[in-house]
N, C-alpha and C. Protein backbone atom coordinates (compact mmCIF):
# COMPACT_ATOMS: atom_id res chain seq x y z
N UNK A 1 4.24 2.78 7.52
CA UNK A 1 4.19 2.95 6.07
C UNK A 1 3.68 4.36 5.80
N UNK A 2 4.34 5.04 4.90
CA UNK A 2 3.98 6.40 4.54
C UNK A 2 2.71 6.37 3.68
N UNK A 3 1.73 7.21 4.04
CA UNK A 3 0.46 7.21 3.33
C UNK A 3 0.64 7.55 1.85
N UNK A 4 1.56 8.47 1.53
CA UNK A 4 1.81 8.79 0.12
C UNK A 4 2.30 7.57 -0.63
N UNK A 5 3.17 6.78 0.01
CA UNK A 5 3.68 5.57 -0.65
C UNK A 5 2.57 4.56 -0.85
N UNK A 6 1.70 4.44 0.13
CA UNK A 6 0.59 3.50 0.02
C UNK A 6 -0.27 3.87 -1.18
N UNK A 7 -0.57 5.15 -1.30
CA UNK A 7 -1.40 5.61 -2.41
C UNK A 7 -0.65 5.43 -3.73
N UNK A 8 0.62 5.78 -3.76
CA UNK A 8 1.40 5.61 -4.99
C UNK A 8 1.46 4.15 -5.39
N UNK A 9 1.67 3.29 -4.42
CA UNK A 9 1.73 1.86 -4.70
C UNK A 9 0.40 1.36 -5.24
N UNK A 10 -0.69 1.82 -4.67
CA UNK A 10 -1.99 1.36 -5.17
C UNK A 10 -2.22 1.83 -6.60
N UNK A 11 -1.72 3.01 -6.94
CA UNK A 11 -1.86 3.49 -8.31
C UNK A 11 -0.98 2.70 -9.27
N UNK A 12 0.19 2.29 -8.81
CA UNK A 12 1.07 1.50 -9.67
C UNK A 12 0.44 0.17 -10.04
N UNK A 13 -0.37 -0.38 -9.15
CA UNK A 13 -0.99 -1.67 -9.42
C UNK A 13 -2.18 -1.56 -10.37
N UNK A 14 -2.48 -0.35 -10.80
CA UNK A 14 -3.57 -0.20 -11.76
C UNK A 14 -3.20 -0.78 -13.11
N UNK A 15 -1.90 -1.01 -13.33
CA UNK A 15 -1.46 -1.71 -14.53
C UNK A 15 -1.01 -0.80 -15.63
N UNK A 16 -0.51 -1.42 -16.69
CA UNK A 16 0.04 -0.66 -17.82
C UNK A 16 -0.98 0.24 -18.50
N UNK A 17 -2.22 -0.16 -18.54
CA UNK A 17 -3.24 0.68 -19.20
C UNK A 17 -3.34 2.03 -18.51
N UNK A 18 -3.27 2.03 -17.19
CA UNK A 18 -3.31 3.29 -16.46
C UNK A 18 -2.09 4.13 -16.81
N UNK A 19 -0.92 3.49 -16.85
CA UNK A 19 0.31 4.21 -17.15
C UNK A 19 0.26 4.84 -18.54
N UNK A 20 -0.46 4.22 -19.45
CA UNK A 20 -0.58 4.76 -20.80
C UNK A 20 -1.74 5.74 -20.92
N UNK A 21 -2.44 6.00 -19.83
CA UNK A 21 -3.51 6.96 -19.84
C UNK A 21 -4.80 6.45 -20.46
N UNK A 22 -4.96 5.14 -20.56
CA UNK A 22 -6.13 4.57 -21.21
C UNK A 22 -7.30 4.38 -20.27
N UNK A 23 -7.07 4.52 -18.99
CA UNK A 23 -8.16 4.34 -18.05
C UNK A 23 -7.93 5.23 -16.83
N UNK A 24 -8.98 5.45 -16.07
CA UNK A 24 -8.88 6.24 -14.86
C UNK A 24 -8.39 5.34 -13.72
N UNK A 25 -7.70 5.92 -12.73
CA UNK A 25 -7.27 5.09 -11.61
C UNK A 25 -8.49 4.54 -10.87
N UNK A 26 -8.34 3.34 -10.31
CA UNK A 26 -9.47 2.77 -9.59
C UNK A 26 -9.78 3.61 -8.34
N UNK A 27 -11.04 3.76 -8.07
CA UNK A 27 -11.48 4.49 -6.88
C UNK A 27 -12.30 3.54 -6.04
N UNK A 28 -11.70 3.10 -4.96
CA UNK A 28 -12.45 2.27 -4.03
C UNK A 28 -13.23 3.18 -3.11
N UNK A 29 -14.09 2.61 -2.32
CA UNK A 29 -14.82 3.44 -1.36
C UNK A 29 -13.85 4.02 -0.33
N UNK A 30 -14.16 5.21 0.14
CA UNK A 30 -13.33 5.85 1.16
C UNK A 30 -13.32 4.94 2.39
N UNK A 31 -12.14 4.51 2.84
CA UNK A 31 -12.10 3.58 3.97
C UNK A 31 -12.43 4.26 5.30
N UNK A 32 -12.93 3.47 6.20
CA UNK A 32 -13.20 3.93 7.56
C UNK A 32 -12.14 3.35 8.48
N UNK A 33 -12.11 3.85 9.69
CA UNK A 33 -11.16 3.31 10.67
C UNK A 33 -11.45 1.83 10.91
N UNK A 34 -12.71 1.44 10.88
CA UNK A 34 -13.08 0.03 11.06
C UNK A 34 -12.54 -0.81 9.90
N UNK A 35 -12.56 -0.27 8.68
CA UNK A 35 -12.01 -0.98 7.52
C UNK A 35 -10.52 -1.22 7.70
N UNK A 36 -9.82 -0.18 8.12
CA UNK A 36 -8.37 -0.30 8.32
C UNK A 36 -8.08 -1.29 9.45
N UNK A 37 -8.84 -1.17 10.55
CA UNK A 37 -8.62 -2.08 11.68
C UNK A 37 -8.85 -3.53 11.26
N UNK A 38 -9.85 -3.77 10.44
CA UNK A 38 -10.14 -5.13 9.97
C UNK A 38 -8.96 -5.69 9.19
N UNK A 39 -8.42 -4.90 8.27
CA UNK A 39 -7.29 -5.36 7.45
C UNK A 39 -6.05 -5.56 8.32
N UNK A 40 -5.79 -4.63 9.22
CA UNK A 40 -4.63 -4.74 10.11
C UNK A 40 -4.74 -6.01 10.96
N UNK A 41 -5.93 -6.29 11.46
CA UNK A 41 -6.15 -7.49 12.26
C UNK A 41 -5.95 -8.75 11.42
N UNK A 42 -6.46 -8.75 10.19
CA UNK A 42 -6.28 -9.90 9.30
C UNK A 42 -4.80 -10.16 9.05
N UNK A 43 -4.07 -9.11 8.75
CA UNK A 43 -2.64 -9.27 8.44
C UNK A 43 -1.87 -9.69 9.69
N UNK A 44 -2.14 -9.04 10.80
CA UNK A 44 -1.42 -9.34 12.04
C UNK A 44 -1.70 -10.74 12.58
N UNK A 45 -2.85 -11.30 12.22
CA UNK A 45 -3.23 -12.62 12.72
C UNK A 45 -2.83 -13.76 11.81
N UNK A 46 -2.16 -13.48 10.71
CA UNK A 46 -1.80 -14.50 9.73
C UNK A 46 -0.32 -14.34 9.40
N UNK A 47 0.50 -15.31 9.79
CA UNK A 47 1.95 -15.20 9.61
C UNK A 47 2.33 -14.97 8.15
N UNK A 48 1.69 -15.68 7.22
CA UNK A 48 2.02 -15.52 5.80
C UNK A 48 1.70 -14.10 5.33
N UNK A 49 0.56 -13.56 5.77
CA UNK A 49 0.21 -12.20 5.38
C UNK A 49 1.15 -11.19 6.03
N UNK A 50 1.52 -11.43 7.29
CA UNK A 50 2.43 -10.52 7.97
C UNK A 50 3.80 -10.52 7.28
N UNK A 51 4.27 -11.70 6.89
CA UNK A 51 5.54 -11.78 6.16
C UNK A 51 5.44 -11.02 4.84
N UNK A 52 4.32 -11.15 4.13
CA UNK A 52 4.12 -10.43 2.87
C UNK A 52 4.10 -8.93 3.12
N UNK A 53 3.42 -8.51 4.17
CA UNK A 53 3.34 -7.08 4.52
C UNK A 53 4.73 -6.53 4.81
N UNK A 54 5.52 -7.27 5.57
CA UNK A 54 6.87 -6.81 5.93
C UNK A 54 7.76 -6.73 4.68
N UNK A 55 7.64 -7.72 3.80
CA UNK A 55 8.41 -7.69 2.55
C UNK A 55 7.98 -6.50 1.71
N UNK A 56 6.69 -6.23 1.68
CA UNK A 56 6.17 -5.10 0.92
C UNK A 56 6.69 -3.78 1.50
N UNK A 57 6.82 -3.71 2.80
CA UNK A 57 7.38 -2.50 3.43
C UNK A 57 8.80 -2.23 2.94
N UNK A 58 9.59 -3.30 2.83
CA UNK A 58 10.97 -3.14 2.35
C UNK A 58 10.97 -2.64 0.90
N UNK A 59 10.08 -3.19 0.11
CA UNK A 59 9.98 -2.75 -1.28
C UNK A 59 9.50 -1.30 -1.34
N UNK A 60 8.58 -0.93 -0.47
CA UNK A 60 8.09 0.45 -0.41
C UNK A 60 9.23 1.42 -0.11
N UNK A 61 10.14 1.03 0.79
CA UNK A 61 11.28 1.89 1.11
C UNK A 61 12.16 2.08 -0.13
N UNK A 62 12.34 0.99 -0.88
CA UNK A 62 13.12 1.08 -2.11
C UNK A 62 12.40 1.94 -3.15
N UNK A 63 11.08 1.83 -3.19
CA UNK A 63 10.29 2.65 -4.12
C UNK A 63 10.40 4.13 -3.76
N UNK A 64 10.43 4.42 -2.49
CA UNK A 64 10.58 5.81 -2.05
C UNK A 64 11.91 6.37 -2.54
N UNK A 65 12.97 5.59 -2.41
CA UNK A 65 14.28 6.03 -2.90
C UNK A 65 14.24 6.23 -4.42
N UNK A 66 13.64 5.30 -5.13
CA UNK A 66 13.56 5.40 -6.59
C UNK A 66 12.73 6.61 -7.00
N UNK A 67 11.66 6.88 -6.27
CA UNK A 67 10.81 8.03 -6.58
C UNK A 67 11.57 9.34 -6.36
N UNK A 68 12.37 9.39 -5.30
CA UNK A 68 13.16 10.60 -5.04
C UNK A 68 14.19 10.83 -6.14
N UNK A 69 14.67 9.75 -6.73
CA UNK A 69 15.63 9.85 -7.83
C UNK A 69 14.94 9.97 -9.19
N UNK A 70 13.61 9.92 -9.16
CA UNK A 70 12.81 9.97 -10.39
C UNK A 70 13.20 8.85 -11.36
N UNK A 71 13.44 7.65 -10.78
CA UNK A 71 13.89 6.49 -11.55
C UNK A 71 12.69 5.60 -11.88
N UNK A 72 12.04 5.91 -13.00
CA UNK A 72 10.82 5.20 -13.39
C UNK A 72 11.09 3.72 -13.67
N UNK A 73 12.23 3.42 -14.25
CA UNK A 73 12.58 2.03 -14.56
C UNK A 73 12.67 1.20 -13.28
N UNK A 74 13.31 1.75 -12.27
CA UNK A 74 13.43 1.06 -10.98
C UNK A 74 12.05 0.92 -10.32
N UNK A 75 11.23 1.96 -10.44
CA UNK A 75 9.88 1.90 -9.86
C UNK A 75 9.08 0.76 -10.50
N UNK A 76 9.19 0.61 -11.81
CA UNK A 76 8.47 -0.45 -12.50
C UNK A 76 8.97 -1.83 -12.08
N UNK A 77 10.29 -1.96 -11.92
CA UNK A 77 10.86 -3.24 -11.49
C UNK A 77 10.39 -3.58 -10.07
N UNK A 78 10.37 -2.59 -9.21
CA UNK A 78 9.91 -2.81 -7.84
C UNK A 78 8.42 -3.12 -7.80
N UNK A 79 7.66 -2.49 -8.69
CA UNK A 79 6.23 -2.77 -8.79
C UNK A 79 6.01 -4.25 -9.08
N UNK A 80 6.80 -4.80 -10.00
CA UNK A 80 6.68 -6.22 -10.34
C UNK A 80 7.04 -7.11 -9.15
N UNK A 81 8.03 -6.68 -8.37
CA UNK A 81 8.41 -7.45 -7.18
C UNK A 81 7.31 -7.39 -6.13
N UNK A 82 6.64 -6.27 -6.03
CA UNK A 82 5.63 -6.07 -5.00
C UNK A 82 4.32 -6.81 -5.29
N UNK A 83 4.00 -6.99 -6.55
CA UNK A 83 2.70 -7.56 -6.94
C UNK A 83 2.36 -8.88 -6.24
N UNK A 84 3.27 -9.86 -6.16
CA UNK A 84 2.90 -11.11 -5.48
C UNK A 84 2.58 -10.92 -3.99
N UNK A 85 3.26 -9.98 -3.36
CA UNK A 85 3.00 -9.73 -1.94
C UNK A 85 1.63 -9.09 -1.75
N UNK A 86 1.27 -8.19 -2.65
CA UNK A 86 -0.06 -7.57 -2.57
C UNK A 86 -1.13 -8.64 -2.73
N UNK A 87 -0.91 -9.57 -3.66
CA UNK A 87 -1.87 -10.67 -3.86
C UNK A 87 -2.03 -11.50 -2.59
N UNK A 88 -0.92 -11.75 -1.89
CA UNK A 88 -0.97 -12.53 -0.65
C UNK A 88 -1.75 -11.80 0.45
N UNK A 89 -1.73 -10.48 0.40
CA UNK A 89 -2.43 -9.70 1.42
C UNK A 89 -3.94 -9.74 1.23
N UNK A 90 -4.38 -10.06 0.03
CA UNK A 90 -5.79 -10.31 -0.20
C UNK A 90 -6.60 -9.13 -0.70
N UNK A 91 -7.85 -9.44 -1.08
CA UNK A 91 -8.72 -8.42 -1.70
C UNK A 91 -9.11 -7.30 -0.74
N UNK A 92 -9.23 -7.58 0.55
CA UNK A 92 -9.57 -6.50 1.49
C UNK A 92 -8.47 -5.46 1.54
N UNK A 93 -7.22 -5.92 1.49
CA UNK A 93 -6.08 -5.00 1.48
C UNK A 93 -6.09 -4.16 0.21
N UNK A 94 -6.30 -4.82 -0.93
CA UNK A 94 -6.31 -4.12 -2.22
C UNK A 94 -7.44 -3.07 -2.23
N UNK A 95 -8.60 -3.45 -1.76
CA UNK A 95 -9.75 -2.53 -1.71
C UNK A 95 -9.41 -1.32 -0.82
N UNK A 96 -8.79 -1.59 0.31
CA UNK A 96 -8.40 -0.51 1.22
C UNK A 96 -7.41 0.43 0.54
N UNK A 97 -6.41 -0.13 -0.13
CA UNK A 97 -5.40 0.70 -0.80
C UNK A 97 -6.04 1.55 -1.90
N UNK A 98 -7.00 0.96 -2.61
CA UNK A 98 -7.68 1.71 -3.67
C UNK A 98 -8.43 2.92 -3.12
N UNK A 99 -8.92 2.83 -1.90
CA UNK A 99 -9.69 3.92 -1.32
C UNK A 99 -8.87 4.97 -0.61
N UNK A 100 -7.62 4.66 -0.29
CA UNK A 100 -6.81 5.60 0.50
C UNK A 100 -6.49 6.90 -0.23
N UNK A 101 -6.54 6.91 -1.56
CA UNK A 101 -6.21 8.14 -2.26
C UNK A 101 -7.26 9.23 -2.06
N UNK A 102 -8.37 8.88 -1.45
CA UNK A 102 -9.42 9.86 -1.17
C UNK A 102 -9.20 10.60 0.15
N UNK A 103 -8.16 10.22 0.88
CA UNK A 103 -7.92 10.80 2.20
C UNK A 103 -6.67 11.67 2.15
N UNK A 104 -6.81 12.96 2.41
CA UNK A 104 -5.64 13.84 2.44
C UNK A 104 -4.65 13.38 3.51
N UNK A 105 -3.36 13.48 3.19
CA UNK A 105 -2.33 12.99 4.12
C UNK A 105 -2.37 13.70 5.47
N UNK A 106 -2.80 14.94 5.50
CA UNK A 106 -2.82 15.68 6.76
C UNK A 106 -4.15 15.60 7.50
N UNK A 107 -5.08 14.80 7.00
CA UNK A 107 -6.38 14.64 7.66
C UNK A 107 -6.21 13.84 8.95
N UNK A 108 -7.02 14.17 9.97
CA UNK A 108 -6.93 13.43 11.23
C UNK A 108 -7.12 11.92 11.06
N UNK A 109 -8.00 11.52 10.15
CA UNK A 109 -8.22 10.10 9.95
C UNK A 109 -6.99 9.43 9.35
N UNK A 110 -6.21 10.16 8.55
CA UNK A 110 -4.98 9.60 7.98
C UNK A 110 -4.00 9.27 9.10
N UNK A 111 -3.94 10.13 10.09
CA UNK A 111 -3.05 9.87 11.23
C UNK A 111 -3.51 8.64 12.00
N UNK A 112 -4.81 8.50 12.15
CA UNK A 112 -5.35 7.30 12.82
C UNK A 112 -5.01 6.05 12.04
N UNK A 113 -5.16 6.12 10.73
CA UNK A 113 -4.88 4.96 9.87
C UNK A 113 -3.40 4.59 9.97
N UNK A 114 -2.53 5.61 9.93
CA UNK A 114 -1.10 5.34 10.00
C UNK A 114 -0.72 4.72 11.34
N UNK A 115 -1.37 5.13 12.41
CA UNK A 115 -1.10 4.54 13.72
C UNK A 115 -1.45 3.05 13.71
N UNK A 116 -2.55 2.70 13.04
CA UNK A 116 -2.93 1.29 12.95
C UNK A 116 -1.90 0.50 12.15
N UNK A 117 -1.44 1.06 11.04
CA UNK A 117 -0.42 0.38 10.24
C UNK A 117 0.90 0.28 10.99
N UNK A 118 1.20 1.28 11.81
CA UNK A 118 2.45 1.24 12.57
C UNK A 118 2.46 0.08 13.57
N UNK A 119 1.27 -0.34 14.01
CA UNK A 119 1.23 -1.51 14.90
C UNK A 119 1.70 -2.75 14.15
N UNK A 120 1.43 -2.81 12.84
CA UNK A 120 1.95 -3.91 12.02
C UNK A 120 3.45 -3.73 11.76
N UNK A 121 3.84 -2.50 11.48
CA UNK A 121 5.25 -2.23 11.22
C UNK A 121 6.13 -2.69 12.38
N UNK A 122 5.62 -2.53 13.60
CA UNK A 122 6.38 -2.93 14.78
C UNK A 122 6.61 -4.43 14.84
N UNK A 123 5.77 -5.20 14.15
CA UNK A 123 5.92 -6.66 14.14
C UNK A 123 6.89 -7.14 13.09
N UNK A 124 7.34 -6.24 12.22
CA UNK A 124 8.26 -6.62 11.15
C UNK A 124 9.70 -6.62 11.68
N UNK A 125 10.49 -7.60 11.24
CA UNK A 125 11.91 -7.60 11.64
C UNK A 125 12.62 -6.38 11.06
N UNK A 126 13.53 -5.88 11.81
CA UNK A 126 14.28 -4.67 11.39
C UNK A 126 15.36 -5.01 10.42
């Protein structure tokens, strides 16, 4: 999963008030490698969560395409599709996503985090 997409997705879940500029984006605590490992282990050890994660990955790919086309309407529709999957992944996942925007994409820790998520990606059907 692309770190930029993860951050964008977490911002989309801030809701309509954020989109209208009525509130600041949520800022979770900056995640640690242990935080990411905990969430990856939770998802990888639970078939329902893994299925939700894999479905969310497919939606993320579609969101990436919509973002490249600057298609806000499609992004909003995909956001609505993604919301139930995010709920299935649980509060630890949401908290982690909220904190990822504090980590620059080129930071060494971002690469470590992406490697952990790639272990989940490998479990998803192609």
